[in-house]
Amino acid sequence: MNVFTALPQFFRLFQQGQEIANAATWKNATVATNVLVGALGTAVGIAASAGIGIPVDSGTLQMVGSGIVAAVSAINAVMHVITSSRVGFASKA
C-alpha cells in the first residue's frame, strides 16, 4: 500500500458511519496517552514545588506545555472522529 491509496482511505474515516478497525484498542490507547500526559504535567508541578529545579526558564516551559496540550487536543479530536461511526462529516451521497 502506498501513500496515494492510503491517504484517501484515511480521509474516508472522517465520514459519518465509518470507523477505524479495532476502534476499542485505539480508544484505550488514546485514554492511556491522556493519562500519561496529565501525569507528566503533574510530576513537573510537584517537582517544581518540592524545589527540584528544571533547567529551563518558565517561559520556555509554558510554551512547550502549550504545544503539548495543543497537539494532544488535536490528536484527541481526530481519534474521536475516526474511532466512532456515529460522528463525522456527512457524506455527499
Protein backbone atom coordinates (compact mmCIF):
# COMPACT_ATOMS: atom_id res chain seq x y z
CA MET A 1 0.00 0.00 0.00
CA ASN A 2 1.42 3.37 -0.93
CA VAL A 3 0.58 6.89 0.19
CA PHE A 4 -1.70 7.54 -2.78
CA THR A 5 -4.00 4.67 -1.83
CA ALA A 6 -3.71 5.05 1.96
CA LEU A 7 -4.45 8.78 2.15
CA PRO A 8 -7.93 8.64 0.57
CA GLN A 9 -8.79 5.70 2.82
CA PHE A 10 -7.66 7.71 5.85
CA PHE A 11 -9.83 10.69 4.88
CA ARG A 12 -12.82 8.36 4.37
CA LEU A 13 -12.60 7.60 8.11
CA PHE A 14 -13.80 11.16 8.79
CA GLN A 15 -17.16 10.43 7.15
CA GLN A 16 -20.09 9.63 9.38
CA GLY A 17 -20.73 5.89 9.50
CA GLN A 18 -17.05 4.95 9.12
CA GLU A 19 -14.64 3.91 11.83
CA ILE A 20 -11.15 2.50 12.07
CA ALA A 21 -10.59 -1.22 12.65
CA ASN A 22 -10.03 -2.12 16.31
CA ALA A 23 -11.67 1.11 17.48
CA ALA A 24 -11.70 -0.04 21.12
CA THR A 25 -7.93 -0.59 21.08
CA TRP A 26 -7.35 2.86 19.59
CA LYS A 27 -9.67 4.45 22.17
CA ASN A 28 -7.83 2.71 25.02
CA ALA A 29 -4.50 3.96 23.65
CA THR A 30 -5.89 7.50 23.48
CA VAL A 31 -7.08 7.33 27.09
CA ALA A 32 -3.71 5.95 28.21
CA THR A 33 -1.91 8.79 26.38
CA ASN A 34 -4.14 11.38 28.05
CA VAL A 35 -3.40 9.90 31.47
CA LEU A 36 0.33 9.82 30.74
CA VAL A 37 0.41 13.46 29.60
CA GLY A 38 -1.56 14.51 32.68
CA ALA A 39 0.73 12.52 34.96
CA LEU A 40 3.83 14.08 33.42
CA GLY A 41 2.40 17.56 33.83
CA THR A 42 1.54 16.82 37.45
CA ALA A 43 5.00 15.38 38.09
CA VAL A 44 6.65 18.55 36.76
CA GLY A 45 4.45 20.68 39.01
CA ILE A 46 5.18 18.53 42.06
CA ALA A 47 8.91 18.53 41.31
CA ALA A 48 8.93 22.32 40.99
CA SER A 49 7.03 22.77 44.27
CA ALA A 50 9.44 20.37 46.01
CA GLY A 51 12.37 22.53 44.96
CA ILE A 52 13.69 20.26 42.23
CA GLY A 53 14.81 22.69 39.59
CA ILE A 54 14.13 22.17 35.91
CA PRO A 55 16.95 23.70 33.83
CA VAL A 56 14.65 25.79 31.61
CA ASP A 57 13.02 29.13 32.21
CA SER A 58 9.31 29.34 32.93
CA GLY A 59 8.50 30.96 29.55
CA THR A 60 10.05 28.07 27.62
CA LEU A 61 8.34 25.54 29.86
CA GLN A 62 5.00 27.27 29.34
CA MET A 63 5.46 27.32 25.55
CA VAL A 64 6.39 23.64 25.46
CA GLY A 65 3.44 22.79 27.71
CA SER A 66 1.07 24.76 25.49
CA GLY A 67 2.39 22.96 22.42
CA ILE A 68 1.88 19.58 24.05
CA VAL A 69 -1.68 20.49 25.07
CA ALA A 70 -2.44 21.69 21.52
CA ALA A 71 -1.01 18.52 19.95
CA VAL A 72 -2.84 16.20 22.35
CA SER A 73 -6.10 18.11 21.80
CA ALA A 74 -5.79 17.84 18.02
CA ILE A 75 -4.97 14.14 18.20
CA ASN A 76 -7.90 13.56 20.58
CA ALA A 77 -10.28 15.24 18.15
CA VAL A 78 -9.04 13.12 15.24
CA MET A 79 -9.14 9.91 17.28
CA HIS A 80 -12.66 10.68 18.49
CA VAL A 81 -13.92 11.02 14.93
CA ILE A 82 -12.12 8.06 13.36
CA THR A 83 -12.97 5.63 16.18
CA SER A 84 -16.71 6.26 16.14
CA SER A 85 -19.20 5.50 13.42
CA ARG A 86 -21.69 7.99 14.90
CA VAL A 87 -19.67 11.17 14.42
CA GLY A 88 -18.01 12.70 11.41
CA PHE A 89 -18.78 14.61 8.28
CA ALA A 90 -21.92 13.71 6.36
CA SER A 91 -21.22 12.04 3.03
CA LYS A 92 -22.21 13.81 -0.18
CA ALA A 93 -24.40 10.94 -1.34
